């Protein structure tokens, strides 16, 4: 598969899933000389993979960048979808890890619209929404002094500036994830190598997925290693992990329970707190009448 127009193929493309590489990996593992991260990937190998997926592994091994471009194209075709989003992020001035947070999400491609509802009872977040061209609206889980949550509107970059997120909501969703991945690879050029590890189990999830790793040279900014897992069943991203050169986790995101057979309307991006306010206003108006 040819590169996308204007893209540049990294100088080093590795395919640990290829037959010859697999034999070498086995030899290294037996001798105890395999790199630590390779042994870690091998430990998560599924018990069995059917013939069709074995053939797909060979195709990805020959051209991992082409495979990423194919996944990105599939993500661009998603107009409406919902999924469960789990995130762990190193944020704030102190760089502490936050999470895991479990969030129910809705995404509409045009106009870009995002709705997020936090599922954890012990977090301060309640729900958030963004529609392209507007403000980010959010409401906490609980209001002040036991009252109902109130809606706050802020600029698109405000959550990033205040350390509440790594990316603005305009960068949220599977399409943006894959585009950022391809952009980073293109910018790095020969400073990044793509390693395909074959089919592995998604960390802390257990789904079988195509596992790819991006290793950036010391000349690139942190985090220097990314792991991307593409769900074997759906063909869409299942997990991405960002790792620092010292082995520390920078961020991890899981995408599960993906439903692409939905049709989302404007009402699906209205906060529950906004609905309550509107209902209260309608009730008050009825009483005056």
Protein backbone atom coordinates (compact mmCIF):
# COMPACT_ATOMS: atom_id res chain seq x y z
CA UNK A 1 0.00 0.00 0.00
CA UNK A 2 1.37 3.37 -0.93
CA UNK A 3 1.79 6.21 1.52
CA UNK A 4 -0.76 8.95 1.78
CA UNK A 5 0.07 12.03 -0.37
CA UNK A 6 2.74 14.11 1.30
CA UNK A 7 3.57 11.49 3.94
CA UNK A 8 7.03 10.11 4.52
CA UNK A 9 7.71 6.49 5.42
CA UNK A 10 9.95 6.11 8.49
CA UNK A 11 13.38 4.72 7.75
CA UNK A 12 13.00 1.72 10.04
CA UNK A 13 9.90 -0.49 9.88
CA UNK A 14 10.06 -3.66 11.98
CA UNK A 15 7.56 -6.53 11.97
CA UNK A 16 7.95 -8.80 14.96
CA UNK A 17 4.95 -10.76 13.73
CA UNK A 18 6.71 -12.00 10.54
CA UNK A 19 7.67 -15.71 10.54
CA UNK A 20 11.43 -15.15 10.49
CA UNK A 21 11.26 -12.49 13.18
CA UNK A 22 9.04 -14.75 15.28
CA UNK A 23 11.62 -17.53 15.12
CA UNK A 24 14.36 -15.10 16.15
CA UNK A 25 12.20 -13.81 18.99
CA UNK A 26 11.63 -17.36 20.25
CA UNK A 27 15.36 -18.01 20.18
CA UNK A 28 16.05 -14.83 22.12
CA UNK A 29 13.41 -15.66 24.70
CA UNK A 30 14.82 -19.14 25.27
CA UNK A 31 18.35 -17.75 25.60
CA UNK A 32 17.17 -15.05 28.01
CA UNK A 33 18.51 -12.25 25.78
CA UNK A 34 15.21 -10.82 24.49
CA UNK A 35 14.58 -7.15 25.21
CA UNK A 36 12.33 -6.67 28.20
CA UNK A 37 9.53 -5.03 26.21
CA UNK A 38 9.51 -7.86 23.65
CA UNK A 39 9.12 -10.45 26.42
CA UNK A 40 6.29 -8.37 27.86
CA UNK A 41 4.43 -8.37 24.55
CA UNK A 42 4.98 -12.12 24.04
CA UNK A 43 3.47 -12.83 27.45
CA UNK A 44 0.17 -11.42 26.27
CA UNK A 45 -0.15 -13.59 23.16
CA UNK A 46 -3.66 -15.11 22.72
CA UNK A 47 -3.96 -18.87 22.91
CA UNK A 48 -5.08 -19.19 19.27
CA UNK A 49 -5.59 -17.02 16.20
CA UNK A 50 -7.61 -18.23 13.20
CA UNK A 51 -6.22 -18.53 9.67
CA UNK A 52 -7.81 -15.32 8.41
CA UNK A 53 -6.17 -13.29 11.14
CA UNK A 54 -2.84 -15.04 10.56
CA UNK A 55 -2.99 -13.88 6.94
CA UNK A 56 -3.85 -10.37 8.11
CA UNK A 57 -0.82 -10.42 10.40
CA UNK A 58 1.43 -11.15 7.44
CA UNK A 59 -0.07 -8.22 5.53
CA UNK A 60 0.43 -5.84 8.46
CA UNK A 61 3.97 -7.12 9.02
CA UNK A 62 4.87 -6.25 5.42
CA UNK A 63 3.50 -2.70 5.66
CA UNK A 64 2.56 -1.55 9.20
CA UNK A 65 2.35 2.10 8.15
CA UNK A 66 -0.03 1.21 5.34
CA UNK A 67 -2.17 -0.68 7.86
CA UNK A 68 -2.31 2.39 10.13
CA UNK A 69 -3.45 4.49 7.19
CA UNK A 70 -6.20 1.95 6.46
CA UNK A 71 -7.41 2.09 10.07
CA UNK A 72 -7.36 5.90 9.91
CA UNK A 73 -9.52 5.85 6.76
CA UNK A 74 -12.03 3.55 8.46
CA UNK A 75 -12.20 5.91 11.44
CA UNK A 76 -12.84 8.88 9.13
CA UNK A 77 -15.90 7.05 7.83
CA UNK A 78 -17.52 6.93 11.27
CA UNK A 79 -20.27 9.54 11.35
CA UNK A 80 -21.99 8.58 14.61
CA UNK A 81 -20.83 6.26 17.37
CA UNK A 82 -20.87 5.64 21.10
CA UNK A 83 -18.34 3.87 23.29
CA UNK A 84 -17.03 3.48 26.81
CA UNK A 85 -13.83 5.44 27.35
CA UNK A 86 -11.33 4.69 30.11
CA UNK A 87 -8.45 7.08 30.68
CA UNK A 88 -5.35 7.40 32.83
CA UNK A 89 -3.36 10.62 32.36
CA UNK A 90 -0.39 12.33 33.92
CA UNK A 91 -1.66 15.90 34.30
CA UNK A 92 -1.21 19.10 36.26
CA UNK A 93 1.85 20.98 37.50
CA UNK A 94 2.99 18.02 39.62
CA UNK A 95 2.57 15.53 36.80
CA UNK A 96 0.51 13.07 38.82
CA UNK A 97 -1.34 10.17 37.26
CA UNK A 98 -5.11 10.60 37.36
CA UNK A 99 -7.55 7.76 36.91
CA UNK A 100 -8.66 5.38 35.79
CA UNK A 101 -11.79 7.31 34.85
CA UNK A 102 -14.68 5.50 33.16
CA UNK A 103 -16.71 7.65 30.78
CA UNK A 104 -19.67 6.98 28.49
CA UNK A 105 -19.14 8.90 25.25
CA UNK A 106 -21.07 9.95 22.15
CA UNK A 107 -19.36 11.34 19.06
CA UNK A 108 -20.84 12.87 15.92
CA UNK A 109 -18.51 13.76 13.06
CA UNK A 110 -20.37 16.71 11.47
CA UNK A 111 -20.60 19.11 13.08
CA UNK A 112 -18.03 17.65 15.48
CA UNK A 113 -19.96 16.96 18.66
CA UNK A 114 -18.83 15.20 21.83
CA UNK A 115 -20.74 14.20 24.95
CA UNK A 116 -19.06 12.63 27.98
CA UNK A 117 -20.69 11.28 31.15
CA UNK A 118 -18.44 10.09 33.99
CA UNK A 119 -19.54 6.75 35.44
CA UNK A 120 -17.46 6.75 38.63
CA UNK A 121 -19.41 7.85 41.70
CA UNK A 122 -16.30 9.09 43.51
CA UNK A 123 -15.08 11.61 40.92
CA UNK A 124 -15.93 15.30 40.82
CA UNK A 125 -16.79 15.25 37.12
CA UNK A 126 -20.37 14.79 36.04
CA UNK A 127 -20.82 15.43 32.34
CA UNK A 128 -19.38 17.54 29.55
CA UNK A 129 -20.35 18.42 26.00
CA UNK A 130 -18.94 20.29 23.03
CA UNK A 131 -20.38 21.16 19.64
CA UNK A 132 -18.04 22.56 17.02
CA UNK A 133 -17.95 26.37 17.05
CA UNK A 134 -19.27 26.67 20.60
CA UNK A 135 -18.04 26.56 24.17
CA UNK A 136 -17.26 23.52 26.28
CA UNK A 137 -20.15 23.01 28.71
CA UNK A 138 -19.71 20.93 31.82
CA UNK A 139 -21.47 20.20 35.07
CA UNK A 140 -19.96 18.61 38.21
CA UNK A 141 -21.41 15.46 39.70
CA UNK A 142 -22.83 17.42 42.65
CA UNK A 143 -23.77 21.06 43.13
CA UNK A 144 -22.69 23.41 45.90
CA UNK A 145 -24.14 22.79 49.37
CA UNK A 146 -26.24 19.88 48.19
CA UNK A 147 -27.93 21.83 45.40
CA UNK A 148 -28.30 20.63 41.80
CA UNK A 149 -25.25 20.84 39.54
CA UNK A 150 -24.93 24.04 37.53
CA UNK A 151 -23.60 24.35 34.01
CA UNK A 152 -20.33 26.16 33.35
CA UNK A 153 -19.17 27.28 29.90
CA UNK A 154 -15.47 27.68 29.12
CA UNK A 155 -13.19 28.07 26.12
CA UNK A 156 -12.02 25.01 24.22
CA UNK A 157 -8.47 25.13 25.64
CA UNK A 158 -9.43 25.93 29.25
CA UNK A 159 -9.50 22.27 30.45
CA UNK A 160 -6.02 21.78 28.93
CA UNK A 161 -4.61 24.96 30.49
CA UNK A 162 -5.97 23.98 33.91
CA UNK A 163 -4.61 20.45 33.71
CA UNK A 164 -7.96 18.70 33.41
CA UNK A 165 -7.13 17.06 30.06
CA UNK A 166 -4.18 16.55 27.72
CA UNK A 167 -6.12 17.49 24.58
CA UNK A 168 -9.11 19.75 23.84
CA UNK A 169 -12.44 18.12 23.00
CA UNK A 170 -11.97 19.16 19.38
CA UNK A 171 -9.23 16.48 19.30
CA UNK A 172 -11.40 13.74 20.82
CA UNK A 173 -12.53 10.57 19.08
CA UNK A 174 -11.13 7.69 17.06
CA UNK A 175 -10.58 9.74 13.90
CA UNK A 176 -8.51 12.36 15.76
CA UNK A 177 -6.55 9.66 17.59
CA UNK A 178 -5.45 8.02 14.36
CA UNK A 179 -4.71 11.33 12.65
CA UNK A 180 -2.50 12.45 15.55
CA UNK A 181 -0.68 9.12 15.36
CA UNK A 182 0.03 9.50 11.64
CA UNK A 183 1.03 13.14 12.08
CA UNK A 184 3.55 12.23 14.79
CA UNK A 185 5.04 9.50 12.61
CA UNK A 186 5.34 11.86 9.65
CA UNK A 187 6.97 14.61 11.71
CA UNK A 188 9.45 12.19 13.26
CA UNK A 189 10.43 10.66 9.90
CA UNK A 190 13.57 8.53 10.36
CA UNK A 191 13.52 9.25 14.11
CA UNK A 192 10.74 6.70 14.67
CA UNK A 193 10.52 2.97 14.08
CA UNK A 194 7.26 1.03 13.85
CA UNK A 195 7.26 -2.43 15.41
CA UNK A 196 4.41 -4.85 14.76
CA UNK A 197 4.10 -7.47 17.51
CA UNK A 198 1.34 -9.56 15.94
CA UNK A 199 -1.85 -10.34 17.84
CA UNK A 200 -1.66 -9.68 21.58
CA UNK A 201 -4.14 -9.15 24.40
CA UNK A 202 -5.05 -5.56 25.22
CA UNK A 203 -3.49 -4.63 28.61
CA UNK A 204 -5.97 -4.70 31.51
CA UNK A 205 -8.73 -5.57 29.06
CA UNK A 206 -8.08 -8.98 27.52
CA UNK A 207 -9.40 -8.43 24.00
CA UNK A 208 -7.21 -9.84 21.21
CA UNK A 209 -5.81 -7.03 19.08
CA UNK A 210 -3.11 -6.17 16.58
CA UNK A 211 -0.30 -4.67 18.67
CA UNK A 212 1.92 -1.97 17.22
CA UNK A 213 4.66 -0.02 18.94
CA UNK A 214 6.24 3.30 17.95
CA UNK A 215 9.74 3.92 19.23
CA UNK A 216 11.03 7.48 18.97
CA UNK A 217 14.70 8.42 19.15
CA UNK A 218 16.17 10.43 22.08
CA UNK A 219 16.03 13.49 19.83
CA UNK A 220 12.22 13.40 19.99
CA UNK A 221 10.22 14.84 22.90
CA UNK A 222 8.68 12.64 25.56
CA UNK A 223 6.81 10.33 25.64
CA UNK A 224 9.08 8.31 23.36
CA UNK A 225 7.18 5.06 23.11
CA UNK A 226 3.59 4.48 22.09
CA UNK A 227 1.64 1.24 22.04
CA UNK A 228 -1.43 1.04 19.83
CA UNK A 229 -3.85 -1.90 19.88
CA UNK A 230 -6.38 -2.38 17.06
CA UNK A 231 -9.30 -4.59 18.08
CA UNK A 232 -9.21 -7.88 16.17
CA UNK A 233 -13.01 -8.11 15.91
CA UNK A 234 -13.94 -4.53 14.97
CA UNK A 235 -10.78 -3.24 13.30
CA UNK A 236 -10.94 -0.02 15.33
CA UNK A 237 -8.55 1.25 18.04
CA UNK A 238 -8.97 -0.55 21.36
CA UNK A 239 -6.19 1.02 23.42
CA UNK A 240 -3.26 3.40 23.24
CA UNK A 241 -0.50 3.73 25.85
CA UNK A 242 2.14 6.48 26.01
CA UNK A 243 5.36 5.60 27.81
CA UNK A 244 8.32 7.76 28.84
CA UNK A 245 11.89 6.70 28.12
CA UNK A 246 12.34 5.87 31.82
CA UNK A 247 9.47 3.37 31.65
CA UNK A 248 6.89 5.56 33.40
CA UNK A 249 3.37 5.63 32.04
CA UNK A 250 2.41 9.03 30.63
CA UNK A 251 -1.15 8.19 29.60
CA UNK A 252 -3.37 5.26 28.64
CA UNK A 253 -6.74 5.19 26.93
CA UNK A 254 -9.14 2.31 26.31
CA UNK A 255 -12.07 2.29 23.86
CA UNK A 256 -14.63 -0.45 24.48
CA UNK A 257 -18.30 -1.31 23.81
CA UNK A 258 -18.10 0.57 20.50
CA UNK A 259 -21.47 0.97 18.77
CA UNK A 260 -21.43 2.41 15.26
CA UNK A 261 -25.05 1.55 14.49
CA UNK A 262 -26.51 4.69 16.05
CA UNK A 263 -27.92 7.98 14.82
CA UNK A 264 -27.11 10.93 17.09
CA UNK A 265 -29.11 14.16 17.06
CA UNK A 266 -28.57 17.61 18.60
CA UNK A 267 -30.48 16.50 21.69
CA UNK A 268 -27.85 13.83 22.37
CA UNK A 269 -25.32 16.58 23.11
CA UNK A 270 -27.41 18.44 25.67
CA UNK A 271 -26.32 18.06 29.30
CA UNK A 272 -28.73 16.52 31.79
CA UNK A 273 -28.22 19.63 33.93
CA UNK A 274 -29.35 21.76 30.97
CA UNK A 275 -32.44 19.61 30.55
CA UNK A 276 -33.32 20.05 34.23
CA UNK A 277 -32.89 23.82 33.98
CA UNK A 278 -35.08 23.95 30.88
CA UNK A 279 -37.73 21.77 32.54
CA UNK A 280 -37.73 24.01 35.64
CA UNK A 281 -38.13 27.08 33.44
CA UNK A 282 -41.06 25.51 31.58
CA UNK A 283 -42.71 24.57 34.87
CA UNK A 284 -42.32 28.10 36.23
CA UNK A 285 -43.75 29.55 33.03
CA UNK A 286 -46.77 27.24 33.29
CA UNK A 287 -47.41 28.36 36.88
CA UNK A 288 -47.38 32.03 35.85
CA UNK A 289 -49.89 31.32 33.14
